[in-house]
All heavy atoms as atom14 arrays in JSON, in Angstrom:
{
  "sequence": "QTEYHKLNNLIWIWSAQGTEYFVGNDKFDIAAVDLYDQNTDN",
  "atom14_mask": [
    [1, 1, 1, 1, 1, 1, 1, 1, 1, 0, 0, 0, 0, 0],
    [1, 1, 1, 1, 1, 1, 1, 0, 0, 0, 0, 0, 0, 0],
    [1, 1, 1, 1, 1, 1, 1, 1, 1, 0, 0, 0, 0, 0],
    [1, 1, 1, 1, 1, 1, 1, 1, 1, 1, 1, 1, 0, 0],
    [1, 1, 1, 1, 1, 1, 1, 1, 1, 1, 0, 0, 0, 0],
    [1, 1, 1, 1, 1, 1, 1, 1, 1, 0, 0, 0, 0, 0],
    [1, 1, 1, 1, 1, 1, 1, 1, 0, 0, 0, 0, 0, 0],
    [1, 1, 1, 1, 1, 1, 1, 1, 0, 0, 0, 0, 0, 0],
    [1, 1, 1, 1, 1, 1, 1, 1, 0, 0, 0, 0, 0, 0],
    [1, 1, 1, 1, 1, 1, 1, 1, 0, 0, 0, 0, 0, 0],
    [1, 1, 1, 1, 1, 1, 1, 1, 0, 0, 0, 0, 0, 0],
    [1, 1, 1, 1, 1, 1, 1, 1, 1, 1, 1, 1, 1, 1],
    [1, 1, 1, 1, 1, 1, 1, 1, 0, 0, 0, 0, 0, 0],
    [1, 1, 1, 1, 1, 1, 1, 1, 1, 1, 1, 1, 1, 1],
    [1, 1, 1, 1, 1, 1, 0, 0, 0, 0, 0, 0, 0, 0],
    [1, 1, 1, 1, 1, 0, 0, 0, 0, 0, 0, 0, 0, 0],
    [1, 1, 1, 1, 1, 1, 1, 1, 1, 0, 0, 0, 0, 0],
    [1, 1, 1, 1, 0, 0, 0, 0, 0, 0, 0, 0, 0, 0],
    [1, 1, 1, 1, 1, 1, 1, 0, 0, 0, 0, 0, 0, 0],
    [1, 1, 1, 1, 1, 1, 1, 1, 1, 0, 0, 0, 0, 0],
    [1, 1, 1, 1, 1, 1, 1, 1, 1, 1, 1, 1, 0, 0],
    [1, 1, 1, 1, 1, 1, 1, 1, 1, 1, 1, 0, 0, 0],
    [1, 1, 1, 1, 1, 1, 1, 0, 0, 0, 0, 0, 0, 0],
    [1, 1, 1, 1, 0, 0, 0, 0, 0, 0, 0, 0, 0, 0],
    [1, 1, 1, 1, 1, 1, 1, 1, 0, 0, 0, 0, 0, 0],
    [1, 1, 1, 1, 1, 1, 1, 1, 0, 0, 0, 0, 0, 0],
    [1, 1, 1, 1, 1, 1, 1, 1, 1, 0, 0, 0, 0, 0],
    [1, 1, 1, 1, 1, 1, 1, 1, 1, 1, 1, 0, 0, 0],
    [1, 1, 1, 1, 1, 1, 1, 1, 0, 0, 0, 0, 0, 0],
    [1, 1, 1, 1, 1, 1, 1, 1, 0, 0, 0, 0, 0, 0],
    [1, 1, 1, 1, 1, 0, 0, 0, 0, 0, 0, 0, 0, 0],
    [1, 1, 1, 1, 1, 0, 0, 0, 0, 0, 0, 0, 0, 0],
    [1, 1, 1, 1, 1, 1, 1, 0, 0, 0, 0, 0, 0, 0],
    [1, 1, 1, 1, 1, 1, 1, 1, 0, 0, 0, 0, 0, 0],
    [1, 1, 1, 1, 1, 1, 1, 1, 0, 0, 0, 0, 0, 0],
    [1, 1, 1, 1, 1, 1, 1, 1, 1, 1, 1, 1, 0, 0],
    [1, 1, 1, 1, 1, 1, 1, 1, 0, 0, 0, 0, 0, 0],
    [1, 1, 1, 1, 1, 1, 1, 1, 1, 0, 0, 0, 0, 0],
    [1, 1, 1, 1, 1, 1, 1, 1, 0, 0, 0, 0, 0, 0],
    [1, 1, 1, 1, 1, 1, 1, 0, 0, 0, 0, 0, 0, 0],
    [1, 1, 1, 1, 1, 1, 1, 1, 0, 0, 0, 0, 0, 0],
    [1, 1, 1, 1, 1, 1, 1, 1, 0, 0, 0, 0, 0, 0]
  ],
  "atom14_positions": [
    [[-7.31, 196.62, 83.21], [-8.44, 197.04, 84.04], [-8.59, 198.59, 83.96], [-9.73, 199.03, 83.92], [-8.21, 196.64, 85.52], [-8.37, 195.16, 85.63], [-8.57, 194.71, 87.04], [-7.91, 195.21, 87.97], [-9.48, 193.75, 87.33], [0.0, 0.0, 0.0], [0.0, 0.0, 0.0], [0.0, 0.0, 0.0], [0.0, 0.0, 0.0], [0.0, 0.0, 0.0]],
    [[-7.54, 199.35, 83.86], [-7.61, 200.79, 83.86], [-7.92, 201.36, 82.46], [-8.62, 202.32, 82.25], [-6.41, 201.45, 84.46], [-5.26, 201.09, 83.69], [-6.24, 201.07, 85.95], [0.0, 0.0, 0.0], [0.0, 0.0, 0.0], [0.0, 0.0, 0.0], [0.0, 0.0, 0.0], [0.0, 0.0, 0.0], [0.0, 0.0, 0.0], [0.0, 0.0, 0.0]],
    [[-7.19, 200.77, 81.47], [-7.35, 201.28, 80.06], [-8.34, 200.58, 79.18], [-9.15, 201.22, 78.56], [-5.96, 201.26, 79.38], [-4.9, 202.08, 80.11], [-3.55, 201.94, 79.35], [-3.5, 202.11, 78.1], [-2.55, 201.74, 80.05], [0.0, 0.0, 0.0], [0.0, 0.0, 0.0], [0.0, 0.0, 0.0], [0.0, 0.0, 0.0], [0.0, 0.0, 0.0]],
    [[-8.36, 199.27, 79.26], [-9.33, 198.47, 78.36], [-10.68, 198.49, 79.0], [-11.68, 198.8, 78.36], [-8.76, 197.09, 78.25], [-9.59, 196.23, 77.31], [-9.52, 196.33, 75.92], [-10.5, 195.28, 77.86], [-10.36, 195.57, 75.12], [-11.29, 194.47, 76.98], [-11.17, 194.63, 75.65], [-12.03, 193.88, 74.79], [0.0, 0.0, 0.0], [0.0, 0.0, 0.0]],
    [[-10.78, 198.1, 80.27], [-12.1, 198.07, 80.93], [-12.51, 199.4, 81.57], [-13.65, 199.54, 82.0], [-12.12, 196.98, 82.03], [-12.08, 195.6, 81.45], [-13.15, 195.04, 80.82], [-11.06, 194.69, 81.43], [-12.8, 193.8, 80.39], [-11.55, 193.56, 80.77], [0.0, 0.0, 0.0], [0.0, 0.0, 0.0], [0.0, 0.0, 0.0], [0.0, 0.0, 0.0]],
    [[-11.58, 200.42, 81.61], [-11.83, 201.77, 82.07], [-12.4, 201.76, 83.51], [-13.43, 202.47, 83.73], [-12.7, 202.5, 81.08], [-12.09, 202.55, 79.71], [-12.89, 203.45, 78.73], [-12.32, 203.4, 77.33], [-10.84, 203.74, 77.28], [0.0, 0.0, 0.0], [0.0, 0.0, 0.0], [0.0, 0.0, 0.0], [0.0, 0.0, 0.0], [0.0, 0.0, 0.0]],
    [[-11.9, 200.95, 84.36], [-12.28, 200.92, 85.75], [-11.58, 202.05, 86.52], [-10.47, 201.89, 86.97], [-12.02, 199.58, 86.39], [-12.78, 198.32, 85.75], [-12.21, 197.08, 86.32], [-14.23, 198.51, 85.99], [0.0, 0.0, 0.0], [0.0, 0.0, 0.0], [0.0, 0.0, 0.0], [0.0, 0.0, 0.0], [0.0, 0.0, 0.0], [0.0, 0.0, 0.0]],
    [[-12.21, 203.18, 86.6], [-11.6, 204.35, 87.27], [-11.94, 204.42, 88.69], [-11.74, 205.5, 89.39], [-11.99, 205.6, 86.54], [-13.51, 205.87, 86.5], [-14.3, 205.18, 87.12], [-13.94, 206.93, 85.78], [0.0, 0.0, 0.0], [0.0, 0.0, 0.0], [0.0, 0.0, 0.0], [0.0, 0.0, 0.0], [0.0, 0.0, 0.0], [0.0, 0.0, 0.0]],
    [[-12.54, 203.42, 89.24], [-12.96, 203.39, 90.73], [-12.02, 202.62, 91.57], [-12.22, 202.49, 92.72], [-14.36, 202.82, 90.8], [-14.43, 201.32, 90.41], [-13.82, 200.96, 89.48], [-15.24, 200.54, 91.14], [0.0, 0.0, 0.0], [0.0, 0.0, 0.0], [0.0, 0.0, 0.0], [0.0, 0.0, 0.0], [0.0, 0.0, 0.0], [0.0, 0.0, 0.0]],
    [[-10.9, 202.13, 91.01], [-10.01, 201.27, 91.76], [-8.87, 202.06, 92.39], [-8.16, 202.88, 91.74], [-9.42, 200.21, 90.86], [-10.39, 199.3, 90.11], [-9.67, 198.26, 89.28], [-11.35, 198.64, 91.08], [0.0, 0.0, 0.0], [0.0, 0.0, 0.0], [0.0, 0.0, 0.0], [0.0, 0.0, 0.0], [0.0, 0.0, 0.0], [0.0, 0.0, 0.0]],
    [[-8.69, 201.91, 93.69], [-7.55, 202.45, 94.45], [-6.59, 201.29, 94.63], [-6.77, 200.3, 95.42], [-7.96, 202.97, 95.8], [-9.0, 204.15, 95.57], [-6.76, 203.52, 96.59], [-9.71, 204.52, 96.81], [0.0, 0.0, 0.0], [0.0, 0.0, 0.0], [0.0, 0.0, 0.0], [0.0, 0.0, 0.0], [0.0, 0.0, 0.0], [0.0, 0.0, 0.0]],
    [[-5.5, 201.28, 93.84], [-4.61, 200.1, 93.73], [-3.62, 200.01, 94.94], [-2.97, 200.92, 95.27], [-3.78, 200.17, 92.47], [-4.62, 199.93, 91.2], [-5.45, 200.76, 90.62], [-4.67, 198.7, 90.46], [-6.05, 200.2, 89.55], [-5.53, 198.9, 89.4], [-4.03, 197.51, 90.55], [-5.82, 197.94, 88.47], [-4.29, 196.55, 89.59], [-5.17, 196.77, 88.55]],
    [[-3.58, 198.79, 95.5], [-2.76, 198.51, 96.73], [-1.7, 197.48, 96.27], [-2.06, 196.34, 95.91], [-3.49, 198.05, 97.85], [-4.58, 199.06, 98.27], [-2.59, 197.8, 99.02], [-5.57, 198.56, 99.31], [0.0, 0.0, 0.0], [0.0, 0.0, 0.0], [0.0, 0.0, 0.0], [0.0, 0.0, 0.0], [0.0, 0.0, 0.0], [0.0, 0.0, 0.0]],
    [[-0.47, 197.81, 96.31], [0.62, 196.88, 95.99], [1.15, 196.35, 97.28], [1.64, 197.0, 98.17], [1.77, 197.56, 95.2], [2.89, 196.71, 94.93], [3.08, 195.72, 93.95], [4.14, 196.72, 95.74], [4.33, 195.12, 94.1], [5.04, 195.73, 95.13], [4.65, 197.49, 96.74], [6.28, 195.51, 95.61], [5.88, 197.25, 97.26], [6.74, 196.22, 96.66]],
    [[1.12, 194.97, 97.41], [1.64, 194.38, 98.61], [2.37, 193.06, 98.3], [2.05, 192.04, 98.87], [0.56, 194.13, 99.69], [-0.51, 193.31, 99.07], [0.0, 0.0, 0.0], [0.0, 0.0, 0.0], [0.0, 0.0, 0.0], [0.0, 0.0, 0.0], [0.0, 0.0, 0.0], [0.0, 0.0, 0.0], [0.0, 0.0, 0.0], [0.0, 0.0, 0.0]],
    [[3.29, 193.1, 97.32], [4.04, 191.91, 96.95], [5.1, 191.52, 97.95], [5.58, 190.43, 97.87], [4.6, 192.18, 95.56], [0.0, 0.0, 0.0], [0.0, 0.0, 0.0], [0.0, 0.0, 0.0], [0.0, 0.0, 0.0], [0.0, 0.0, 0.0], [0.0, 0.0, 0.0], [0.0, 0.0, 0.0], [0.0, 0.0, 0.0], [0.0, 0.0, 0.0]],
    [[5.53, 192.52, 98.81], [6.45, 192.19, 99.96], [7.86, 192.22, 99.65], [8.73, 192.21, 100.54], [6.11, 190.85, 100.6], [4.63, 190.53, 100.86], [4.14, 191.09, 102.18], [3.47, 192.13, 102.09], [4.41, 190.45, 103.2], [0.0, 0.0, 0.0], [0.0, 0.0, 0.0], [0.0, 0.0, 0.0], [0.0, 0.0, 0.0], [0.0, 0.0, 0.0]],
    [[8.36, 192.32, 98.39], [9.79, 192.22, 98.1], [10.28, 193.37, 97.14], [9.56, 193.73, 96.21], [0.0, 0.0, 0.0], [0.0, 0.0, 0.0], [0.0, 0.0, 0.0], [0.0, 0.0, 0.0], [0.0, 0.0, 0.0], [0.0, 0.0, 0.0], [0.0, 0.0, 0.0], [0.0, 0.0, 0.0], [0.0, 0.0, 0.0], [0.0, 0.0, 0.0]],
    [[11.44, 193.83, 97.4], [11.98, 194.97, 96.57], [12.07, 194.55, 95.1], [11.73, 195.37, 94.19], [13.4, 195.34, 97.14], [13.29, 195.72, 98.49], [14.01, 196.5, 96.25], [0.0, 0.0, 0.0], [0.0, 0.0, 0.0], [0.0, 0.0, 0.0], [0.0, 0.0, 0.0], [0.0, 0.0, 0.0], [0.0, 0.0, 0.0], [0.0, 0.0, 0.0]],
    [[12.5, 193.31, 94.85], [12.71, 192.87, 93.43], [11.3, 192.76, 92.78], [11.26, 192.71, 91.51], [13.39, 191.53, 93.36], [12.66, 190.36, 93.98], [12.81, 190.17, 95.47], [13.21, 191.16, 96.16], [12.52, 189.08, 95.97], [0.0, 0.0, 0.0], [0.0, 0.0, 0.0], [0.0, 0.0, 0.0], [0.0, 0.0, 0.0], [0.0, 0.0, 0.0]],
    [[10.22, 192.75, 93.49], [8.86, 192.67, 92.95], [8.22, 194.02, 92.73], [7.05, 194.09, 92.37], [7.99, 191.77, 93.81], [8.25, 190.27, 93.67], [9.37, 189.71, 94.27], [7.37, 189.48, 93.01], [9.62, 188.38, 94.19], [7.65, 188.1, 92.86], [8.75, 187.59, 93.47], [9.03, 186.24, 93.38], [0.0, 0.0, 0.0], [0.0, 0.0, 0.0]],
    [[8.98, 195.09, 93.04], [8.4, 196.43, 92.95], [8.04, 196.8, 91.5], [8.83, 196.65, 90.61], [9.49, 197.44, 93.47], [8.96, 198.85, 93.56], [7.9, 199.16, 94.33], [9.68, 199.85, 92.88], [7.45, 200.47, 94.43], [9.23, 201.14, 92.99], [8.12, 201.42, 93.7], [0.0, 0.0, 0.0], [0.0, 0.0, 0.0], [0.0, 0.0, 0.0]],
    [[6.83, 197.28, 91.39], [6.26, 197.55, 90.05], [6.38, 198.99, 89.6], [6.03, 199.36, 88.46], [4.77, 197.1, 89.96], [4.68, 195.56, 90.15], [3.91, 197.82, 90.94], [0.0, 0.0, 0.0], [0.0, 0.0, 0.0], [0.0, 0.0, 0.0], [0.0, 0.0, 0.0], [0.0, 0.0, 0.0], [0.0, 0.0, 0.0], [0.0, 0.0, 0.0]],
    [[6.83, 199.86, 90.46], [6.94, 201.28, 90.17], [5.74, 202.08, 90.68], [4.64, 201.62, 90.67], [0.0, 0.0, 0.0], [0.0, 0.0, 0.0], [0.0, 0.0, 0.0], [0.0, 0.0, 0.0], [0.0, 0.0, 0.0], [0.0, 0.0, 0.0], [0.0, 0.0, 0.0], [0.0, 0.0, 0.0], [0.0, 0.0, 0.0], [0.0, 0.0, 0.0]],
    [[6.03, 203.32, 91.17], [5.06, 204.16, 91.81], [3.9, 204.51, 90.86], [2.81, 204.86, 91.32], [5.68, 205.42, 92.35], [6.35, 205.23, 93.67], [6.28, 204.14, 94.27], [7.03, 206.23, 94.19], [0.0, 0.0, 0.0], [0.0, 0.0, 0.0], [0.0, 0.0, 0.0], [0.0, 0.0, 0.0], [0.0, 0.0, 0.0], [0.0, 0.0, 0.0]],
    [[4.09, 204.4, 89.55], [3.08, 204.87, 88.61], [2.02, 203.8, 88.41], [0.99, 204.05, 87.71], [3.69, 205.24, 87.25], [4.44, 204.05, 86.65], [5.03, 203.23, 87.4], [4.5, 203.97, 85.38], [0.0, 0.0, 0.0], [0.0, 0.0, 0.0], [0.0, 0.0, 0.0], [0.0, 0.0, 0.0], [0.0, 0.0, 0.0], [0.0, 0.0, 0.0]],
    [[2.16, 202.61, 89.03], [1.21, 201.52, 88.82], [0.46, 201.14, 90.04], [-0.15, 200.04, 90.13], [1.88, 200.34, 88.19], [2.48, 200.62, 86.76], [3.08, 199.36, 86.16], [3.7, 199.65, 84.85], [4.9, 200.45, 85.02], [0.0, 0.0, 0.0], [0.0, 0.0, 0.0], [0.0, 0.0, 0.0], [0.0, 0.0, 0.0], [0.0, 0.0, 0.0]],
    [[0.47, 201.97, 91.1], [-0.35, 201.69, 92.25], [-0.5, 202.96, 93.06], [0.19, 203.99, 92.84], [0.25, 200.58, 93.16], [1.53, 200.92, 93.79], [1.58, 201.55, 95.1], [2.78, 200.72, 93.18], [2.78, 201.86, 95.69], [3.9, 201.06, 93.77], [3.99, 201.63, 95.06], [0.0, 0.0, 0.0], [0.0, 0.0, 0.0], [0.0, 0.0, 0.0]],
    [[-1.45, 202.99, 94.08], [-1.7, 204.14, 94.87], [-1.19, 204.0, 96.28], [-0.76, 205.0, 96.93], [-3.24, 204.4, 94.88], [-3.77, 204.58, 93.51], [-3.4, 205.56, 92.86], [-4.57, 203.72, 93.03], [0.0, 0.0, 0.0], [0.0, 0.0, 0.0], [0.0, 0.0, 0.0], [0.0, 0.0, 0.0], [0.0, 0.0, 0.0], [0.0, 0.0, 0.0]],
    [[-1.3, 202.77, 96.87], [-0.98, 202.58, 98.24], [0.05, 201.41, 98.36], [-0.15, 200.34, 97.66], [-2.19, 202.2, 99.12], [-3.14, 203.4, 99.12], [-1.8, 201.88, 100.56], [-4.49, 203.09, 99.77], [0.0, 0.0, 0.0], [0.0, 0.0, 0.0], [0.0, 0.0, 0.0], [0.0, 0.0, 0.0], [0.0, 0.0, 0.0], [0.0, 0.0, 0.0]],
    [[1.1, 201.59, 99.09], [2.12, 200.5, 99.38], [1.72, 199.85, 100.7], [1.47, 200.51, 101.69], [3.5, 201.02, 99.4], [0.0, 0.0, 0.0], [0.0, 0.0, 0.0], [0.0, 0.0, 0.0], [0.0, 0.0, 0.0], [0.0, 0.0, 0.0], [0.0, 0.0, 0.0], [0.0, 0.0, 0.0], [0.0, 0.0, 0.0], [0.0, 0.0, 0.0]],
    [[1.68, 198.5, 100.69], [1.31, 197.79, 101.93], [2.15, 196.58, 102.17], [2.89, 196.17, 101.22], [-0.19, 197.41, 101.79], [0.0, 0.0, 0.0], [0.0, 0.0, 0.0], [0.0, 0.0, 0.0], [0.0, 0.0, 0.0], [0.0, 0.0, 0.0], [0.0, 0.0, 0.0], [0.0, 0.0, 0.0], [0.0, 0.0, 0.0], [0.0, 0.0, 0.0]],
    [[2.05, 196.08, 103.42], [2.85, 194.86, 103.71], [1.96, 194.02, 104.72], [1.16, 194.55, 105.47], [4.16, 195.26, 104.37], [3.97, 196.0, 105.67], [5.09, 194.04, 104.55], [0.0, 0.0, 0.0], [0.0, 0.0, 0.0], [0.0, 0.0, 0.0], [0.0, 0.0, 0.0], [0.0, 0.0, 0.0], [0.0, 0.0, 0.0], [0.0, 0.0, 0.0]],
    [[2.14, 192.7, 104.61], [1.47, 191.78, 105.54], [2.51, 191.26, 106.52], [3.6, 190.79, 106.01], [0.9, 190.61, 104.82], [-0.24, 191.03, 103.81], [-0.61, 192.21, 103.83], [-0.73, 190.16, 103.07], [0.0, 0.0, 0.0], [0.0, 0.0, 0.0], [0.0, 0.0, 0.0], [0.0, 0.0, 0.0], [0.0, 0.0, 0.0], [0.0, 0.0, 0.0]],
    [[2.35, 191.31, 107.8], [3.29, 190.98, 108.79], [2.72, 189.86, 109.75], [1.73, 190.18, 110.39], [3.77, 192.14, 109.59], [4.49, 193.24, 108.79], [4.79, 194.38, 109.71], [5.75, 192.71, 108.18], [0.0, 0.0, 0.0], [0.0, 0.0, 0.0], [0.0, 0.0, 0.0], [0.0, 0.0, 0.0], [0.0, 0.0, 0.0], [0.0, 0.0, 0.0]],
    [[3.34, 188.73, 109.79], [2.9, 187.7, 110.74], [4.08, 187.15, 111.57], [4.14, 187.38, 112.73], [2.25, 186.58, 109.96], [0.86, 186.89, 109.45], [0.69, 187.28, 108.14], [-0.2, 186.91, 110.25], [-0.55, 187.65, 107.64], [-1.46, 187.25, 109.82], [-1.61, 187.6, 108.48], [-2.93, 187.94, 108.01], [0.0, 0.0, 0.0], [0.0, 0.0, 0.0]],
    [[5.03, 186.53, 110.92], [6.07, 185.8, 111.65], [7.27, 186.72, 112.12], [7.96, 186.43, 113.08], [6.66, 184.6, 110.85], [5.6, 183.61, 110.56], [4.73, 183.43, 111.44], [5.65, 182.97, 109.48], [0.0, 0.0, 0.0], [0.0, 0.0, 0.0], [0.0, 0.0, 0.0], [0.0, 0.0, 0.0], [0.0, 0.0, 0.0], [0.0, 0.0, 0.0]],
    [[7.41, 187.84, 111.38], [8.54, 188.72, 111.68], [8.2, 189.88, 112.54], [7.14, 190.5, 112.36], [9.19, 189.16, 110.37], [8.2, 189.88, 109.42], [8.74, 190.04, 108.02], [8.0, 189.95, 107.16], [10.02, 190.35, 107.87], [0.0, 0.0, 0.0], [0.0, 0.0, 0.0], [0.0, 0.0, 0.0], [0.0, 0.0, 0.0], [0.0, 0.0, 0.0]],
    [[8.99, 190.17, 113.55], [8.83, 191.3, 114.38], [7.44, 191.47, 114.9], [6.75, 192.46, 114.88], [9.17, 192.62, 113.57], [9.31, 193.82, 114.41], [9.54, 193.7, 115.65], [9.17, 195.01, 113.83], [0.0, 0.0, 0.0], [0.0, 0.0, 0.0], [0.0, 0.0, 0.0], [0.0, 0.0, 0.0], [0.0, 0.0, 0.0], [0.0, 0.0, 0.0]],
    [[6.89, 190.34, 115.49], [5.52, 190.36, 115.91], [5.44, 190.53, 117.44], [4.36, 190.28, 118.03], [4.82, 189.04, 115.6], [5.62, 187.93, 116.06], [4.65, 188.85, 114.12], [0.0, 0.0, 0.0], [0.0, 0.0, 0.0], [0.0, 0.0, 0.0], [0.0, 0.0, 0.0], [0.0, 0.0, 0.0], [0.0, 0.0, 0.0], [0.0, 0.0, 0.0]],
    [[6.49, 191.07, 118.05], [6.27, 191.54, 119.42], [5.55, 192.91, 119.41], [5.26, 193.42, 118.36], [7.61, 191.6, 120.16], [8.61, 192.5, 119.5], [8.39, 192.8, 118.29], [9.66, 192.82, 120.06], [0.0, 0.0, 0.0], [0.0, 0.0, 0.0], [0.0, 0.0, 0.0], [0.0, 0.0, 0.0], [0.0, 0.0, 0.0], [0.0, 0.0, 0.0]],
    [[5.32, 193.43, 120.55], [4.44, 194.59, 120.61], [5.23, 195.89, 120.32], [5.59, 196.7, 121.13], [3.83, 194.69, 122.04], [2.57, 195.57, 122.07], [1.94, 195.71, 121.0], [2.24, 196.12, 123.2], [0.0, 0.0, 0.0], [0.0, 0.0, 0.0], [0.0, 0.0, 0.0], [0.0, 0.0, 0.0], [0.0, 0.0, 0.0], [0.0, 0.0, 0.0]]
  ]
}
């Protein structure tokens, strides 16, 4: 997407949720997480 299609408008969000799935800081802009069942008190 970035090199072949030259999409320079994308702000990449990595939210795979697991350390072993980490792709490296050079391949995304924002780190994110989805939280539902864990630690859902206030």
